[in-house]
Amino acid sequence: MDLTKKREYIIRLPRLKQLADPIAFSSLILLILTPDANAYIDPSSGSYFLQIILAGLLGALFALKIYWKRVKSFFTGKDEDSEQSK
């Protein structure tokens, strides 16, 4: 990257920071001033949320099963290769 492009990049960063504050402030105001929604929640939506929670838990357990040796070696401080040679 040559010097002129580097200067342009450095000059643009403060402009992004200047834009971030008003956007965050206006988003916060919109969230605070939003009126209550009188929405209907379908009875079957409870089972849908239960399915989402169970799928997340089972996915995490499956990932733990796949990487169990790495997780175990991380907490015990032993190397994976030394465990496999036994």
N, C-alpha and C. Protein backbone atom coordinates (compact mmCIF):
# COMPACT_ATOMS: atom_id res chain seq x y z
N MET A 1 0.86 -1.17 0.00
CA MET A 1 0.00 0.00 0.00
C MET A 1 0.91 1.23 0.00
N ASP A 2 0.70 2.07 -0.97
CA ASP A 2 1.55 3.26 -1.02
C ASP A 2 1.04 4.32 -0.03
N LEU A 3 1.82 5.36 0.11
CA LEU A 3 1.57 6.36 1.16
C LEU A 3 0.26 7.13 0.96
N THR A 4 -0.10 7.43 -0.28
CA THR A 4 -1.34 8.21 -0.50
C THR A 4 -2.57 7.39 -0.16
N LYS A 5 -2.56 6.09 -0.50
CA LYS A 5 -3.71 5.25 -0.16
C LYS A 5 -3.81 5.07 1.35
N LYS A 6 -2.66 4.98 2.00
CA LYS A 6 -2.65 4.83 3.45
C LYS A 6 -3.24 6.08 4.11
N ARG A 7 -2.90 7.24 3.60
CA ARG A 7 -3.45 8.49 4.15
C ARG A 7 -4.96 8.55 3.96
N GLU A 8 -5.43 8.14 2.79
CA GLU A 8 -6.87 8.15 2.52
C GLU A 8 -7.60 7.23 3.48
N TYR A 9 -7.01 6.08 3.74
CA TYR A 9 -7.63 5.12 4.66
C TYR A 9 -7.69 5.69 6.07
N ILE A 10 -6.61 6.33 6.51
CA ILE A 10 -6.58 6.91 7.84
C ILE A 10 -7.56 8.06 7.95
N ILE A 11 -7.72 8.84 6.90
CA ILE A 11 -8.64 9.97 6.92
C ILE A 11 -10.09 9.49 6.99
N ARG A 12 -10.42 8.37 6.38
CA ARG A 12 -11.80 7.88 6.34
C ARG A 12 -12.25 7.30 7.68
N LEU A 13 -11.36 6.78 8.50
CA LEU A 13 -11.75 6.16 9.75
C LEU A 13 -12.49 7.10 10.70
N PRO A 14 -12.00 8.33 10.93
CA PRO A 14 -12.76 9.22 11.82
C PRO A 14 -14.15 9.54 11.29
N ARG A 15 -14.32 9.56 9.99
CA ARG A 15 -15.64 9.83 9.43
C ARG A 15 -16.61 8.70 9.80
N LEU A 16 -16.13 7.47 9.78
CA LEU A 16 -16.99 6.35 10.17
C LEU A 16 -17.35 6.44 11.64
N LYS A 17 -16.40 6.85 12.47
CA LYS A 17 -16.69 6.99 13.89
C LYS A 17 -17.69 8.11 14.14
N GLN A 18 -17.62 9.16 13.34
CA GLN A 18 -18.58 10.26 13.48
C GLN A 18 -19.98 9.82 13.10
N LEU A 19 -20.09 8.90 12.16
CA LEU A 19 -21.40 8.41 11.74
C LEU A 19 -21.96 7.38 12.71
N ALA A 20 -21.10 6.66 13.40
CA ALA A 20 -21.56 5.58 14.27
C ALA A 20 -22.33 6.10 15.47
N ASP A 21 -21.93 7.21 16.05
CA ASP A 21 -22.62 7.74 17.23
C ASP A 21 -24.06 8.16 16.94
N PRO A 22 -24.32 8.94 15.89
CA PRO A 22 -25.73 9.29 15.62
C PRO A 22 -26.58 8.08 15.25
N ILE A 23 -26.01 7.11 14.56
CA ILE A 23 -26.77 5.91 14.20
C ILE A 23 -27.13 5.12 15.45
N ALA A 24 -26.17 4.95 16.35
CA ALA A 24 -26.44 4.21 17.59
C ALA A 24 -27.46 4.95 18.44
N PHE A 25 -27.34 6.28 18.53
CA PHE A 25 -28.27 7.07 19.32
C PHE A 25 -29.69 7.01 18.76
N SER A 26 -29.81 7.13 17.45
CA SER A 26 -31.15 7.08 16.85
C SER A 26 -31.75 5.69 16.96
N SER A 27 -30.94 4.66 16.88
CA SER A 27 -31.45 3.29 17.05
C SER A 27 -31.95 3.09 18.47
N LEU A 28 -31.22 3.60 19.43
CA LEU A 28 -31.64 3.49 20.83
C LEU A 28 -32.95 4.24 21.07
N ILE A 29 -33.08 5.40 20.53
CA ILE A 29 -34.31 6.18 20.68
C ILE A 29 -35.49 5.44 20.05
N LEU A 30 -35.29 4.86 18.87
CA LEU A 30 -36.37 4.11 18.22
C LEU A 30 -36.79 2.91 19.05
N LEU A 31 -35.83 2.23 19.67
CA LEU A 31 -36.16 1.08 20.50
C LEU A 31 -36.91 1.48 21.76
N ILE A 32 -36.53 2.61 22.34
CA ILE A 32 -37.19 3.07 23.57
C ILE A 32 -38.60 3.56 23.30
N LEU A 33 -38.80 4.28 22.22
CA LEU A 33 -40.09 4.90 21.94
C LEU A 33 -41.06 4.02 21.15
N THR A 34 -40.70 2.78 20.91
CA THR A 34 -41.58 1.89 20.16
C THR A 34 -42.79 1.52 21.03
N PRO A 35 -44.01 1.65 20.48
CA PRO A 35 -45.20 1.30 21.27
C PRO A 35 -45.31 -0.22 21.46
N ASP A 36 -46.09 -0.60 22.46
CA ASP A 36 -46.30 -2.02 22.72
C ASP A 36 -47.02 -2.67 21.55
N ALA A 37 -46.67 -3.91 21.26
CA ALA A 37 -47.32 -4.65 20.19
C ALA A 37 -48.31 -5.62 20.82
N ASN A 38 -49.55 -5.52 20.43
CA ASN A 38 -50.57 -6.45 20.90
C ASN A 38 -50.62 -7.61 19.92
N ALA A 39 -49.65 -8.48 20.05
CA ALA A 39 -49.50 -9.57 19.10
C ALA A 39 -50.01 -10.87 19.70
N TYR A 40 -50.44 -11.73 18.84
CA TYR A 40 -50.93 -13.04 19.24
C TYR A 40 -49.81 -14.05 19.08
N ILE A 41 -49.55 -14.83 20.12
CA ILE A 41 -48.54 -15.89 20.05
C ILE A 41 -49.28 -17.20 19.93
N ASP A 42 -49.04 -17.89 18.85
CA ASP A 42 -49.69 -19.16 18.56
C ASP A 42 -49.26 -20.21 19.59
N PRO A 43 -50.17 -21.08 20.03
CA PRO A 43 -49.80 -22.11 21.01
C PRO A 43 -48.69 -23.05 20.52
N SER A 44 -48.59 -23.24 19.24
CA SER A 44 -47.56 -24.16 18.73
C SER A 44 -46.18 -23.51 18.72
N SER A 45 -46.11 -22.21 18.97
CA SER A 45 -44.80 -21.56 18.97
C SER A 45 -43.96 -22.01 20.16
N GLY A 46 -44.59 -22.44 21.25
CA GLY A 46 -43.84 -22.96 22.40
C GLY A 46 -43.05 -24.20 22.03
N SER A 47 -43.67 -25.09 21.26
CA SER A 47 -42.94 -26.30 20.85
C SER A 47 -41.83 -25.95 19.86
N TYR A 48 -42.03 -24.91 19.08
CA TYR A 48 -40.99 -24.46 18.15
C TYR A 48 -39.77 -23.95 18.91
N PHE A 49 -40.01 -23.14 19.96
CA PHE A 49 -38.91 -22.64 20.77
C PHE A 49 -38.20 -23.79 21.48
N LEU A 50 -38.96 -24.78 21.93
CA LEU A 50 -38.37 -25.96 22.56
C LEU A 50 -37.48 -26.71 21.57
N GLN A 51 -37.93 -26.83 20.34
CA GLN A 51 -37.11 -27.48 19.30
C GLN A 51 -35.82 -26.71 19.06
N ILE A 52 -35.88 -25.39 19.05
CA ILE A 52 -34.68 -24.58 18.83
C ILE A 52 -33.68 -24.79 19.97
N ILE A 53 -34.18 -24.79 21.21
CA ILE A 53 -33.30 -24.98 22.36
C ILE A 53 -32.68 -26.37 22.34
N LEU A 54 -33.50 -27.39 22.07
CA LEU A 54 -32.97 -28.76 22.03
C LEU A 54 -31.97 -28.94 20.89
N ALA A 55 -32.23 -28.35 19.75
CA ALA A 55 -31.29 -28.46 18.63
C ALA A 55 -29.96 -27.80 18.96
N GLY A 56 -30.01 -26.66 19.64
CA GLY A 56 -28.77 -26.00 20.05
C GLY A 56 -27.99 -26.83 21.04
N LEU A 57 -28.68 -27.41 22.02
CA LEU A 57 -28.00 -28.25 23.01
C LEU A 57 -27.40 -29.50 22.36
N LEU A 58 -28.16 -30.16 21.50
CA LEU A 58 -27.65 -31.36 20.84
C LEU A 58 -26.49 -31.03 19.90
N GLY A 59 -26.56 -29.89 19.25
CA GLY A 59 -25.45 -29.47 18.39
C GLY A 59 -24.19 -29.21 19.19
N ALA A 60 -24.34 -28.57 20.35
CA ALA A 60 -23.19 -28.31 21.21
C ALA A 60 -22.61 -29.61 21.75
N LEU A 61 -23.46 -30.55 22.13
CA LEU A 61 -22.97 -31.84 22.61
C LEU A 61 -22.26 -32.62 21.51
N PHE A 62 -22.79 -32.55 20.31
CA PHE A 62 -22.15 -33.24 19.19
C PHE A 62 -20.78 -32.63 18.88
N ALA A 63 -20.69 -31.30 18.93
CA ALA A 63 -19.40 -30.63 18.71
C ALA A 63 -18.41 -31.02 19.81
N LEU A 64 -18.90 -31.11 21.05
CA LEU A 64 -18.04 -31.53 22.15
C LEU A 64 -17.56 -32.95 21.96
N LYS A 65 -18.44 -33.81 21.45
CA LYS A 65 -18.05 -35.20 21.19
C LYS A 65 -16.95 -35.27 20.14
N ILE A 66 -17.08 -34.47 19.11
CA ILE A 66 -16.09 -34.49 18.02
C ILE A 66 -14.74 -34.00 18.51
N TYR A 67 -14.73 -32.93 19.31
CA TYR A 67 -13.48 -32.32 19.75
C TYR A 67 -13.12 -32.68 21.19
N TRP A 68 -13.61 -33.81 21.71
CA TRP A 68 -13.41 -34.17 23.10
C TRP A 68 -11.93 -34.25 23.49
N LYS A 69 -11.10 -34.87 22.67
CA LYS A 69 -9.68 -35.02 23.00
C LYS A 69 -9.00 -33.66 23.10
N ARG A 70 -9.35 -32.74 22.23
CA ARG A 70 -8.76 -31.40 22.29
C ARG A 70 -9.22 -30.66 23.54
N VAL A 71 -10.49 -30.77 23.88
CA VAL A 71 -11.01 -30.10 25.07
C VAL A 71 -10.36 -30.69 26.32
N LYS A 72 -10.26 -32.01 26.36
CA LYS A 72 -9.67 -32.68 27.51
C LYS A 72 -8.20 -32.30 27.67
N SER A 73 -7.45 -32.28 26.58
CA SER A 73 -6.04 -31.91 26.66
C SER A 73 -5.86 -30.44 27.03
N PHE A 74 -6.82 -29.60 26.66
CA PHE A 74 -6.75 -28.18 27.02
C PHE A 74 -6.87 -28.00 28.53
N PHE A 75 -7.81 -28.73 29.16
CA PHE A 75 -8.02 -28.56 30.58
C PHE A 75 -7.01 -29.33 31.43
N THR A 76 -6.51 -30.47 30.94
CA THR A 76 -5.54 -31.23 31.72
C THR A 76 -4.12 -30.74 31.51
N GLY A 77 -3.86 -30.07 30.41
CA GLY A 77 -2.52 -29.56 30.13
C GLY A 77 -1.63 -30.60 29.47
N LYS A 78 -2.16 -31.77 29.20
CA LYS A 78 -1.39 -32.81 28.53
C LYS A 78 -1.53 -32.67 27.03
N ASP A 79 -0.52 -33.15 26.31
CA ASP A 79 -0.52 -33.06 24.85
C ASP A 79 -1.38 -34.17 24.27
N GLU A 80 -2.05 -33.91 23.15
CA GLU A 80 -2.89 -34.93 22.49
C GLU A 80 -2.06 -36.11 22.02
N ASP A 81 -0.87 -35.84 21.50
CA ASP A 81 -0.04 -36.88 20.94
C ASP A 81 0.42 -37.87 22.01
N SER A 82 0.68 -37.38 23.23
CA SER A 82 1.11 -38.27 24.29
C SER A 82 -0.01 -39.21 24.72
N GLU A 83 -1.27 -38.74 24.63
CA GLU A 83 -2.40 -39.59 24.98
C GLU A 83 -2.63 -40.68 23.94
N GLN A 84 -2.38 -40.36 22.66
CA GLN A 84 -2.59 -41.33 21.60
C GLN A 84 -1.53 -42.41 21.60
N SER A 85 -0.33 -42.12 22.09
CA SER A 85 0.75 -43.10 22.07
C SER A 85 0.61 -44.14 23.15
N LYS A 86 -0.27 -43.91 24.14
CA LYS A 86 -0.45 -44.88 25.23
C LYS A 86 -1.18 -46.12 24.79
